Amino acid sequence: MYKHDAYPKEGFGMINDYLDILPTIEYFNERECMPTWYIKEDITTFYDITYVIDGTSTYVVDDIDIILESGDVIYVPKGVKRRAFTDADNPMHCFAFNFQYRFVDGGFRELPLPRKFHIGIEHNLIELLERFKFVWLEKKEGYILEARGLFLLILHRLMENYLNINNTTIHGKRINNVKKYILENFHTQIKIQELADLVHLHPGYLGKIFKDEVGYTINEFINRIRINKACDLLASGETVFETAYQCGFSDPFYFSKVFKRMKGIPPSEFTARNRTRD
């Protein structure tokens, strides 16, 4: 039996190492296997990601048996020995990609995925896969660019699921509700108590689990959203005073202080640099 690969889970920091990845998809298939389906043994000349949504199959990678069931993902890197077959009594239904990739900076990094991991039936991911299938089969002019964009979304979702940065813990739904409320109301004066009331938790306990899950305090997260929005507004020509009020700061001087602490320069200098760039 195949054991789950150990892999360091460093969350967003790890994903940030892959921002300049450029994939090239060579093959895609929504595979609904016949009972006799198999892949003959060969050395892979591509990278393979397969997401199983139903049925059972066995992949043999470098002579190690990997049993796949519904909700499992297998990642097979280039240059390994691979063969596969499905369970004749429970044929596999899956989405499979064969692809190459490189990086804009010319370097190389192996994808931060184990051979096998379990994500369950992710309906949002399946929707992306269905969209990809439509683009891939229609092949209208420019489809390669659209297919690459969708594949990057799919790859991000898989990495996000594996690295456990999508709040899948017992408090995940509450944390997501708090983040959603902040994103929709950052321009107002948000009180910790109203967030706690929203998810029926004590304010102190909410603050603790939010920091544990997200990596920021609630106030740090609110300011992060506000300042990132402020950058957009300043870049579009809004004044510092207008931007401060639109982003939920009642005191423009305090806004400037927070902006400089987070971005390293005051908002007036950010505006001047952006104007020069224009």
C-alpha atoms as a PDB file:
ATOM      1  CA  MET A   1       0.000   0.000   0.000  1.00  0.00           C
ATOM      2  CA  TYR A   2       1.266   3.470  -0.883  1.00  0.00           C
ATOM      3  CA  LYS A   3       1.987   5.801   2.012  1.00  0.00           C
ATOM      4  CA  HIS A   4       1.248   9.532   1.797  1.00  0.00           C
ATOM      5  CA  ASP A   5       4.406  11.474   0.913  1.00  0.00           C
ATOM      6  CA  ALA A   6       5.660  13.738   3.643  1.00  0.00           C
ATOM      7  CA  TYR A   7       5.898  17.322   2.426  1.00  0.00           C
ATOM      8  CA  PRO A   8       6.435  20.605   4.296  1.00  0.00           C
ATOM      9  CA  LYS A   9       3.220  22.585   4.449  1.00  0.00           C
ATOM     10  CA  GLU A  10       4.281  26.213   4.326  1.00  0.00           C
ATOM     11  CA  GLY A  11       1.088  27.643   2.899  1.00  0.00           C
ATOM     12  CA  PHE A  12       1.051  30.917   1.021  1.00  0.00           C
ATOM     13  CA  GLY A  13       4.823  31.324   1.243  1.00  0.00           C
ATOM     14  CA  MET A  14       5.288  28.143  -0.752  1.00  0.00           C
ATOM     15  CA  ILE A  15       2.674  29.070  -3.374  1.00  0.00           C
ATOM     16  CA  ASN A  16       4.413  32.417  -3.854  1.00  0.00           C
ATOM     17  CA  ASP A  17       7.410  30.502  -5.218  1.00  0.00           C
ATOM     18  CA  TYR A  18       5.279  29.506  -8.235  1.00  0.00           C
ATOM     19  CA  LEU A  19       3.821  32.844  -9.328  1.00  0.00           C
ATOM     20  CA  ASP A  20       5.837  32.874 -12.576  1.00  0.00           C
ATOM     21  CA  ILE A  21       5.070  29.306 -13.672  1.00  0.00           C
ATOM     22  CA  LEU A  22       4.242  28.875 -17.376  1.00  0.00           C
ATOM     23  CA  PRO A  23       2.477  25.570 -18.095  1.00  0.00           C
ATOM     24  CA  THR A  24       1.936  24.020 -21.511  1.00  0.00           C
ATOM     25  CA  ILE A  25      -0.901  21.483 -21.626  1.00  0.00           C
ATOM     26  CA  GLU A  26      -0.193  18.629 -24.028  1.00  0.00           C
ATOM     27  CA  TYR A  27      -3.149  16.380 -23.270  1.00  0.00           C
ATOM     28  CA  PHE A  28      -6.429  16.582 -21.370  1.00  0.00           C
ATOM     29  CA  ASN A  29      -9.216  14.072 -20.994  1.00  0.00           C
ATOM     30  CA  GLU A  30     -12.282  13.510 -18.889  1.00  0.00           C
ATOM     31  CA  ARG A  31     -11.778   9.788 -18.675  1.00  0.00           C
ATOM     32  CA  GLU A  32     -14.708   7.451 -18.028  1.00  0.00           C
ATOM     33  CA  CYS A  33     -12.858   4.157 -18.082  1.00  0.00           C
ATOM     34  CA  MET A  34     -14.060   0.933 -19.580  1.00  0.00           C
ATOM     35  CA  PRO A  35     -13.469  -2.077 -17.283  1.00  0.00           C
ATOM     36  CA  THR A  36     -10.465  -3.072 -19.408  1.00  0.00           C
ATOM     37  CA  TRP A  37      -8.798   0.377 -19.369  1.00  0.00           C
ATOM     38  CA  TYR A  38      -5.061   0.506 -18.698  1.00  0.00           C
ATOM     39  CA  ILE A  39      -1.926   2.551 -19.372  1.00  0.00           C
ATOM     40  CA  LYS A  40       1.017   0.499 -20.520  1.00  0.00           C
ATOM     41  CA  GLU A  41       4.293   0.800 -18.665  1.00  0.00           C
ATOM     42  CA  ASP A  42       6.525   3.581 -19.906  1.00  0.00           C
ATOM     43  CA  ILE A  43       8.784   6.402 -18.724  1.00  0.00           C
ATOM     44  CA  THR A  44       6.810   9.638 -18.524  1.00  0.00           C
ATOM     45  CA  THR A  45       7.998  12.465 -20.758  1.00  0.00           C
ATOM     46  CA  PHE A  46       5.509  14.903 -19.174  1.00  0.00           C
ATOM     47  CA  TYR A  47       3.957  15.771 -15.817  1.00  0.00           C
ATOM     48  CA  ASP A  48       0.655  14.060 -15.030  1.00  0.00           C
ATOM     49  CA  ILE A  49      -2.099  15.277 -12.685  1.00  0.00           C
ATOM     50  CA  THR A  50      -5.213  13.106 -12.424  1.00  0.00           C
ATOM     51  CA  TYR A  51      -8.217  13.858 -10.206  1.00  0.00           C
ATOM     52  CA  VAL A  52     -10.536  10.907  -9.536  1.00  0.00           C
ATOM     53  CA  ILE A  53     -14.196  11.727  -8.996  1.00  0.00           C
ATOM     54  CA  ASP A  54     -15.557   8.184  -9.027  1.00  0.00           C
ATOM     55  CA  GLY A  55     -14.430   4.573  -9.165  1.00  0.00           C
ATOM     56  CA  THR A  56     -11.083   2.989  -8.341  1.00  0.00           C
ATOM     57  CA  SER A  57      -7.785   2.524 -10.132  1.00  0.00           C
ATOM     58  CA  THR A  58      -4.203   1.539  -9.403  1.00  0.00           C
ATOM     59  CA  TYR A  59      -1.216   3.511 -10.640  1.00  0.00           C
ATOM     60  CA  VAL A  60       2.171   1.837 -10.383  1.00  0.00           C
ATOM     61  CA  VAL A  61       4.848   4.529 -10.197  1.00  0.00           C
ATOM     62  CA  ASP A  62       8.452   3.371  -9.994  1.00  0.00           C
ATOM     63  CA  ASP A  63       7.162  -0.041  -8.900  1.00  0.00           C
ATOM     64  CA  ILE A  64       5.071   1.404  -6.037  1.00  0.00           C
ATOM     65  CA  ASP A  65       1.319   0.700  -6.075  1.00  0.00           C
ATOM     66  CA  ILE A  66      -0.867   3.789  -5.577  1.00  0.00           C
ATOM     67  CA  ILE A  67      -4.551   3.008  -5.159  1.00  0.00           C
ATOM     68  CA  LEU A  68      -6.828   5.863  -6.187  1.00  0.00           C
ATOM     69  CA  GLU A  69     -10.438   6.300  -5.141  1.00  0.00           C
ATOM     70  CA  SER A  70     -13.042   9.057  -5.361  1.00  0.00           C
ATOM     71  CA  GLY A  71     -11.606  12.406  -4.240  1.00  0.00           C
ATOM     72  CA  ASP A  72      -7.953  11.369  -4.692  1.00  0.00           C
ATOM     73  CA  VAL A  73      -5.393  13.237  -6.786  1.00  0.00           C
ATOM     74  CA  ILE A  74      -2.211  11.720  -8.184  1.00  0.00           C
ATOM     75  CA  TYR A  75       0.768  13.771  -9.332  1.00  0.00           C
ATOM     76  CA  VAL A  76       3.321  11.916 -11.461  1.00  0.00           C
ATOM     77  CA  PRO A  77       6.448  13.919 -12.330  1.00  0.00           C
ATOM     78  CA  LYS A  78       8.413  13.625 -15.537  1.00  0.00           C
ATOM     79  CA  GLY A  79      10.976  10.867 -15.922  1.00  0.00           C
ATOM     80  CA  VAL A  80       9.446   8.115 -13.781  1.00  0.00           C
ATOM     81  CA  LYS A  81       8.185   4.672 -14.682  1.00  0.00           C
ATOM     82  CA  ARG A  82       4.376   4.551 -14.778  1.00  0.00           C
ATOM     83  CA  ARG A  83       1.588   2.172 -15.604  1.00  0.00           C
ATOM     84  CA  ALA A  84      -2.052   2.078 -14.528  1.00  0.00           C
ATOM     85  CA  PHE A  85      -5.253   0.049 -14.654  1.00  0.00           C
ATOM     86  CA  THR A  86      -8.785   0.447 -13.345  1.00  0.00           C
ATOM     87  CA  ASP A  87     -10.866  -1.800 -11.128  1.00  0.00           C
ATOM     88  CA  ALA A  88     -13.049  -3.728 -13.600  1.00  0.00           C
ATOM     89  CA  ASP A  89     -15.902  -3.837 -11.084  1.00  0.00           C
ATOM     90  CA  ASN A  90     -15.677  -0.122 -10.279  1.00  0.00           C
ATOM     91  CA  PRO A  91     -14.180   1.713 -13.293  1.00  0.00           C
ATOM     92  CA  MET A  92     -12.538   5.054 -12.713  1.00  0.00           C
ATOM     93  CA  HIS A  93     -14.013   8.403 -13.764  1.00  0.00           C
ATOM     94  CA  CYS A  94     -11.387  11.133 -13.693  1.00  0.00           C
ATOM     95  CA  PHE A  95      -9.948  14.313 -15.194  1.00  0.00           C
ATOM     96  CA  ALA A  96      -6.369  13.924 -16.431  1.00  0.00           C
ATOM     97  CA  PHE A  97      -3.738  16.439 -17.557  1.00  0.00           C
ATOM     98  CA  ASN A  98      -0.369  15.802 -19.186  1.00  0.00           C
ATOM     99  CA  PHE A  99       1.678  18.988 -19.248  1.00  0.00           C
ATOM    100  CA  GLN A 100       5.096  20.642 -19.265  1.00  0.00           C
ATOM    101  CA  TYR A 101       6.069  23.728 -17.326  1.00  0.00           C
ATOM    102  CA  ARG A 102       8.858  26.265 -16.986  1.00  0.00           C
ATOM    103  CA  PHE A 103       9.438  29.494 -15.096  1.00  0.00           C
ATOM    104  CA  VAL A 104       9.835  33.039 -16.349  1.00  0.00           C
ATOM    105  CA  ASP A 105      13.052  33.439 -14.349  1.00  0.00           C
ATOM    106  CA  GLY A 106      14.598  30.452 -16.148  1.00  0.00           C
ATOM    107  CA  GLY A 107      14.940  28.400 -12.973  1.00  0.00           C
ATOM    108  CA  PHE A 108      13.243  25.139 -12.066  1.00  0.00           C
ATOM    109  CA  ARG A 109      11.198  24.091  -9.045  1.00  0.00           C
ATOM    110  CA  GLU A 110       9.339  20.834  -8.571  1.00  0.00           C
ATOM    111  CA  LEU A 111       5.649  21.316  -7.863  1.00  0.00           C
ATOM    112  CA  PRO A 112       4.911  21.151  -4.107  1.00  0.00           C
ATOM    113  CA  LEU A 113       2.622  18.144  -4.439  1.00  0.00           C
ATOM    114  CA  PRO A 114       3.004  14.570  -3.186  1.00  0.00           C
ATOM    115  CA  ARG A 115       2.384  11.553  -5.375  1.00  0.00           C
ATOM    116  CA  LYS A 116      -1.103  11.146  -3.895  1.00  0.00           C
ATOM    117  CA  PHE A 117      -3.362  13.303  -1.755  1.00  0.00           C
ATOM    118  CA  HIS A 118      -7.059  13.437  -0.972  1.00  0.00           C
ATOM    119  CA  ILE A 119      -9.225  16.530  -1.478  1.00  0.00           C
ATOM    120  CA  GLY A 120     -12.671  14.931  -1.655  1.00  0.00           C
ATOM    121  CA  ILE A 121     -15.268  15.985  -4.207  1.00  0.00           C
ATOM    122  CA  GLU A 122     -14.608  19.696  -4.738  1.00  0.00           C
ATOM    123  CA  HIS A 123     -17.547  21.073  -6.721  1.00  0.00           C
ATOM    124  CA  ASN A 124     -15.856  24.403  -7.462  1.00  0.00           C
ATOM    125  CA  LEU A 125     -12.863  22.523  -8.832  1.00  0.00           C
ATOM    126  CA  ILE A 126     -15.103  20.298 -10.950  1.00  0.00           C
ATOM    127  CA  GLU A 127     -16.760  23.430 -12.384  1.00  0.00           C
ATOM    128  CA  LEU A 128     -13.318  24.703 -13.414  1.00  0.00           C
ATOM    129  CA  LEU A 129     -12.511  21.345 -14.985  1.00  0.00           C
ATOM    130  CA  GLU A 130     -15.782  21.382 -16.930  1.00  0.00           C
ATOM    131  CA  ARG A 131     -14.991  24.885 -18.187  1.00  0.00           C
ATOM    132  CA  PHE A 132     -11.532  23.720 -19.210  1.00  0.00           C
ATOM    133  CA  LYS A 133     -13.029  20.756 -21.065  1.00  0.00           C
ATOM    134  CA  PHE A 134     -15.330  23.040 -23.046  1.00  0.00           C
ATOM    135  CA  VAL A 135     -12.452  25.368 -24.022  1.00  0.00           C
ATOM    136  CA  TRP A 136     -10.184  22.433 -24.875  1.00  0.00           C
ATOM    137  CA  LEU A 137     -12.741  20.696 -27.076  1.00  0.00           C
ATOM    138  CA  GLU A 138     -14.053  23.815 -28.814  1.00  0.00           C
ATOM    139  CA  LYS A 139     -10.517  25.032 -29.634  1.00  0.00           C
ATOM    140  CA  LYS A 140     -11.632  28.420 -30.875  1.00  0.00           C
ATOM    141  CA  GLU A 141      -9.049  31.048 -31.820  1.00  0.00           C
ATOM    142  CA  GLY A 142      -6.951  31.962 -28.785  1.00  0.00           C
ATOM    143  CA  TYR A 143      -8.040  28.892 -26.804  1.00  0.00           C
ATOM    144  CA  ILE A 144      -4.479  28.094 -25.672  1.00  0.00           C
ATOM    145  CA  LEU A 145      -4.300  31.294 -23.618  1.00  0.00           C
ATOM    146  CA  GLU A 146      -7.714  30.667 -22.050  1.00  0.00           C
ATOM    147  CA  ALA A 147      -6.872  27.015 -21.382  1.00  0.00           C
ATOM    148  CA  ARG A 148      -3.595  28.013 -19.723  1.00  0.00           C
ATOM    149  CA  GLY A 149      -5.408  30.502 -17.494  1.00  0.00           C
ATOM    150  CA  LEU A 150      -7.957  27.898 -16.425  1.00  0.00           C
ATOM    151  CA  PHE A 151      -5.243  25.326 -15.807  1.00  0.00           C
ATOM    152  CA  LEU A 152      -3.419  27.794 -13.551  1.00  0.00           C
ATOM    153  CA  LEU A 153      -6.642  28.244 -11.563  1.00  0.00           C
ATOM    154  CA  ILE A 154      -7.000  24.461 -11.317  1.00  0.00           C
ATOM    155  CA  LEU A 155      -3.372  24.054 -10.264  1.00  0.00           C
ATOM    156  CA  HIS A 156      -3.759  26.785  -7.642  1.00  0.00           C
ATOM    157  CA  ARG A 157      -6.864  25.110  -6.251  1.00  0.00           C
ATOM    158  CA  LEU A 158      -5.051  21.767  -5.991  1.00  0.00           C
ATOM    159  CA  MET A 159      -2.039  23.334  -4.283  1.00  0.00           C
ATOM    160  CA  GLU A 160      -4.311  25.296  -1.979  1.00  0.00           C
ATOM    161  CA  ASN A 161      -6.177  22.153  -0.973  1.00  0.00           C
ATOM    162  CA  TYR A 162      -3.035  20.160  -0.341  1.00  0.00           C
ATOM    163  CA  LEU A 163      -1.257  22.888   1.601  1.00  0.00           C
ATOM    164  CA  ASN A 164      -4.291  23.320   3.871  1.00  0.00           C
ATOM    165  CA  ILE A 165      -4.575  27.090   3.491  1.00  0.00           C
ATOM    166  CA  ASN A 166      -8.257  27.143   2.651  1.00  0.00           C
ATOM    167  CA  ASN A 167      -9.506  26.969   6.251  1.00  0.00           C
ATOM    168  CA  THR A 168     -10.571  23.356   6.262  1.00  0.00           C
ATOM    169  CA  THR A 169     -10.377  23.133  10.053  1.00  0.00           C
ATOM    170  CA  ILE A 170     -13.341  22.962  12.418  1.00  0.00           C
ATOM    171  CA  HIS A 171     -13.455  26.791  12.532  1.00  0.00           C
ATOM    172  CA  GLY A 172     -12.943  27.260   8.792  1.00  0.00           C
ATOM    173  CA  LYS A 173     -16.529  28.243   7.936  1.00  0.00           C
ATOM    174  CA  ARG A 174     -16.662  30.837  10.698  1.00  0.00           C
ATOM    175  CA  ILE A 175     -13.325  32.324   9.674  1.00  0.00           C
ATOM    176  CA  ASN A 176     -14.439  32.506   6.045  1.00  0.00           C
ATOM    177  CA  ASN A 177     -17.650  34.260   7.105  1.00  0.00           C
ATOM    178  CA  VAL A 178     -15.641  36.815   9.081  1.00  0.00           C
ATOM    179  CA  LYS A 179     -13.270  37.425   6.152  1.00  0.00           C
ATOM    180  CA  LYS A 180     -16.208  37.780   3.755  1.00  0.00           C
ATOM    181  CA  TYR A 181     -17.870  40.321   6.063  1.00  0.00           C
ATOM    182  CA  ILE A 182     -14.631  42.312   6.302  1.00  0.00           C
ATOM    183  CA  LEU A 183     -14.166  42.295   2.515  1.00  0.00           C
ATOM    184  CA  GLU A 184     -17.695  43.620   2.048  1.00  0.00           C
ATOM    185  CA  ASN A 185     -17.544  46.222   4.842  1.00  0.00           C
ATOM    186  CA  PHE A 186     -13.909  47.337   5.156  1.00  0.00           C
ATOM    187  CA  HIS A 187     -14.951  50.910   4.312  1.00  0.00           C
ATOM    188  CA  THR A 188     -16.990  51.069   7.551  1.00  0.00           C
ATOM    189  CA  GLN A 189     -15.910  51.104  11.199  1.00  0.00           C
ATOM    190  CA  ILE A 190     -15.856  47.370  11.933  1.00  0.00           C
ATOM    191  CA  LYS A 191     -15.996  46.346  15.592  1.00  0.00           C
ATOM    192  CA  ILE A 192     -14.614  43.029  16.849  1.00  0.00           C
ATOM    193  CA  GLN A 193     -17.852  42.525  18.784  1.00  0.00           C
ATOM    194  CA  GLU A 194     -19.979  42.652  15.613  1.00  0.00           C
ATOM    195  CA  LEU A 195     -17.735  40.047  14.004  1.00  0.00           C
ATOM    196  CA  ALA A 196     -18.005  37.853  17.092  1.00  0.00           C
ATOM    197  CA  ASP A 197     -21.805  38.223  17.063  1.00  0.00           C
ATOM    198  CA  LEU A 198     -21.820  37.252  13.388  1.00  0.00           C
ATOM    199  CA  VAL A 199     -20.268  33.840  14.120  1.00  0.00           C
ATOM    200  CA  HIS A 200     -21.592  33.401  17.694  1.00  0.00           C
ATOM    201  CA  LEU A 201     -18.210  33.378  19.428  1.00  0.00           C
ATOM    202  CA  HIS A 202     -16.649  35.336  22.291  1.00  0.00           C
ATOM    203  CA  PRO A 203     -14.574  38.230  20.866  1.00  0.00           C
ATOM    204  CA  GLY A 204     -11.407  37.060  22.617  1.00  0.00           C
ATOM    205  CA  TYR A 205     -11.780  33.496  21.364  1.00  0.00           C
ATOM    206  CA  LEU A 206     -12.564  34.689  17.823  1.00  0.00           C
ATOM    207  CA  GLY A 207      -9.412  36.802  17.865  1.00  0.00           C
ATOM    208  CA  LYS A 208      -7.314  33.795  18.909  1.00  0.00           C
ATOM    209  CA  ILE A 209      -8.626  31.342  16.307  1.00  0.00           C
ATOM    210  CA  PHE A 210      -8.537  34.027  13.576  1.00  0.00           C
ATOM    211  CA  LYS A 211      -4.819  34.667  14.258  1.00  0.00           C
ATOM    212  CA  ASP A 212      -4.141  30.919  14.360  1.00  0.00           C
ATOM    213  CA  GLU A 213      -5.950  30.296  11.052  1.00  0.00           C
ATOM    214  CA  VAL A 214      -5.095  33.389   9.011  1.00  0.00           C
ATOM    215  CA  GLY A 215      -1.720  34.435  10.422  1.00  0.00           C
ATOM    216  CA  TYR A 216      -2.852  38.002  11.160  1.00  0.00           C
ATOM    217  CA  THR A 217      -4.858  39.563  13.949  1.00  0.00           C
ATOM    218  CA  ILE A 218      -8.328  40.731  12.906  1.00  0.00           C
ATOM    219  CA  ASN A 219      -7.216  44.378  12.935  1.00  0.00           C
ATOM    220  CA  GLU A 220      -4.108  43.532  10.903  1.00  0.00           C
ATOM    221  CA  PHE A 221      -6.280  41.737   8.347  1.00  0.00           C
ATOM    222  CA  ILE A 222      -8.708  44.683   8.147  1.00  0.00           C
ATOM    223  CA  ASN A 223      -5.832  47.105   7.600  1.00  0.00           C
ATOM    224  CA  ARG A 224      -4.273  44.786   5.016  1.00  0.00           C
ATOM    225  CA  ILE A 225      -7.498  44.851   2.968  1.00  0.00           C
ATOM    226  CA  ARG A 226      -7.919  48.598   3.416  1.00  0.00           C
ATOM    227  CA  ILE A 227      -4.355  49.482   2.406  1.00  0.00           C
ATOM    228  CA  ASN A 228      -4.380  47.181  -0.627  1.00  0.00           C
ATOM    229  CA  LYS A 229      -7.626  48.855  -1.741  1.00  0.00           C
ATOM    230  CA  ALA A 230      -6.050  52.238  -1.061  1.00  0.00           C
ATOM    231  CA  CYS A 231      -3.244  51.414  -3.489  1.00  0.00           C
ATOM    232  CA  ASP A 232      -5.829  50.791  -6.209  1.00  0.00           C
ATOM    233  CA  LEU A 233      -7.610  54.079  -5.470  1.00  0.00           C
ATOM    234  CA  LEU A 234      -4.399  56.138  -5.324  1.00  0.00           C
ATOM    235  CA  ALA A 235      -3.250  54.571  -8.591  1.00  0.00           C
ATOM    236  CA  SER A 236      -6.556  55.590 -10.203  1.00  0.00           C
ATOM    237  CA  GLY A 237      -6.061  59.255  -9.249  1.00  0.00           C
ATOM    238  CA  GLU A 238      -7.917  59.599  -5.946  1.00  0.00           C
ATOM    239  CA  THR A 239      -6.412  61.999  -3.393  1.00  0.00           C
ATOM    240  CA  VAL A 240      -4.966  60.790  -0.105  1.00  0.00           C
ATOM    241  CA  PHE A 241      -7.888  62.313   1.815  1.00  0.00           C
ATOM    242  CA  GLU A 242     -10.525  60.761  -0.451  1.00  0.00           C
ATOM    243  CA  THR A 243      -8.775  57.408  -0.332  1.00  0.00           C
ATOM    244  CA  ALA A 244      -8.528  57.402   3.449  1.00  0.00           C
ATOM    245  CA  TYR A 245     -12.255  57.952   3.909  1.00  0.00           C
ATOM    246  CA  GLN A 246     -13.241  55.452   1.208  1.00  0.00           C
ATOM    247  CA  CYS A 247     -11.114  52.810   2.901  1.00  0.00           C
ATOM    248  CA  GLY A 248     -12.621  53.214   6.356  1.00  0.00           C
ATOM    249  CA  PHE A 249     -10.093  55.571   7.967  1.00  0.00           C
ATOM    250  CA  SER A 250     -11.708  58.523   9.746  1.00  0.00           C
ATOM    251  CA  ASP A 251      -8.295  60.162  10.268  1.00  0.00           C
ATOM    252  CA  PRO A 252      -6.186  60.724   7.099  1.00  0.00           C
ATOM    253  CA  PHE A 253      -3.037  61.172   9.213  1.00  0.00           C
ATOM    254  CA  TYR A 254      -3.527  57.792  10.859  1.00  0.00           C
ATOM    255  CA  PHE A 255      -4.193  56.339   7.385  1.00  0.00           C
ATOM    256  CA  SER A 256      -0.849  57.721   6.196  1.00  0.00           C
ATOM    257  CA  LYS A 257       0.901  56.208   9.213  1.00  0.00           C
ATOM    258  CA  VAL A 258      -0.614  52.751   8.590  1.00  0.00           C
ATOM    259  CA  PHE A 259       0.063  52.993   4.849  1.00  0.00           C
ATOM    260  CA  LYS A 260       3.753  53.794   5.402  1.00  0.00           C
ATOM    261  CA  ARG A 261       4.124  50.996   7.972  1.00  0.00           C
ATOM    262  CA  MET A 262       2.698  48.434   5.548  1.00  0.00           C
ATOM    263  CA  LYS A 263       4.076  49.671   2.217  1.00  0.00           C
ATOM    264  CA  GLY A 264       7.324  51.320   3.291  1.00  0.00           C
ATOM    265  CA  ILE A 265       6.470  54.696   1.763  1.00  0.00           C
ATOM    266  CA  PRO A 266       3.814  57.325   2.537  1.00  0.00           C
ATOM    267  CA  PRO A 267       0.724  57.459   0.297  1.00  0.00           C
ATOM    268  CA  SER A 268       1.826  60.796  -1.181  1.00  0.00           C
ATOM    269  CA  GLU A 269       5.045  59.197  -2.443  1.00  0.00           C
ATOM    270  CA  PHE A 270       3.095  56.194  -3.766  1.00  0.00           C
ATOM    271  CA  THR A 271       0.882  58.620  -5.706  1.00  0.00           C
ATOM    272  CA  ALA A 272       3.907  60.497  -7.070  1.00  0.00           C
ATOM    273  CA  ARG A 273       5.589  57.282  -8.218  1.00  0.00           C
ATOM    274  CA  ASN A 274       2.415  56.110  -9.888  1.00  0.00           C
ATOM    275  CA  ARG A 275       1.988  59.451 -11.645  1.00  0.00           C
ATOM    276  CA  THR A 276       5.582  59.195 -12.928  1.00  0.00           C
ATOM    277  CA  ARG A 277       4.848  55.698 -14.213  1.00  0.00           C
ATOM    278  CA  ASP A 278       1.800  56.994 -16.094  1.00  0.00           C
END
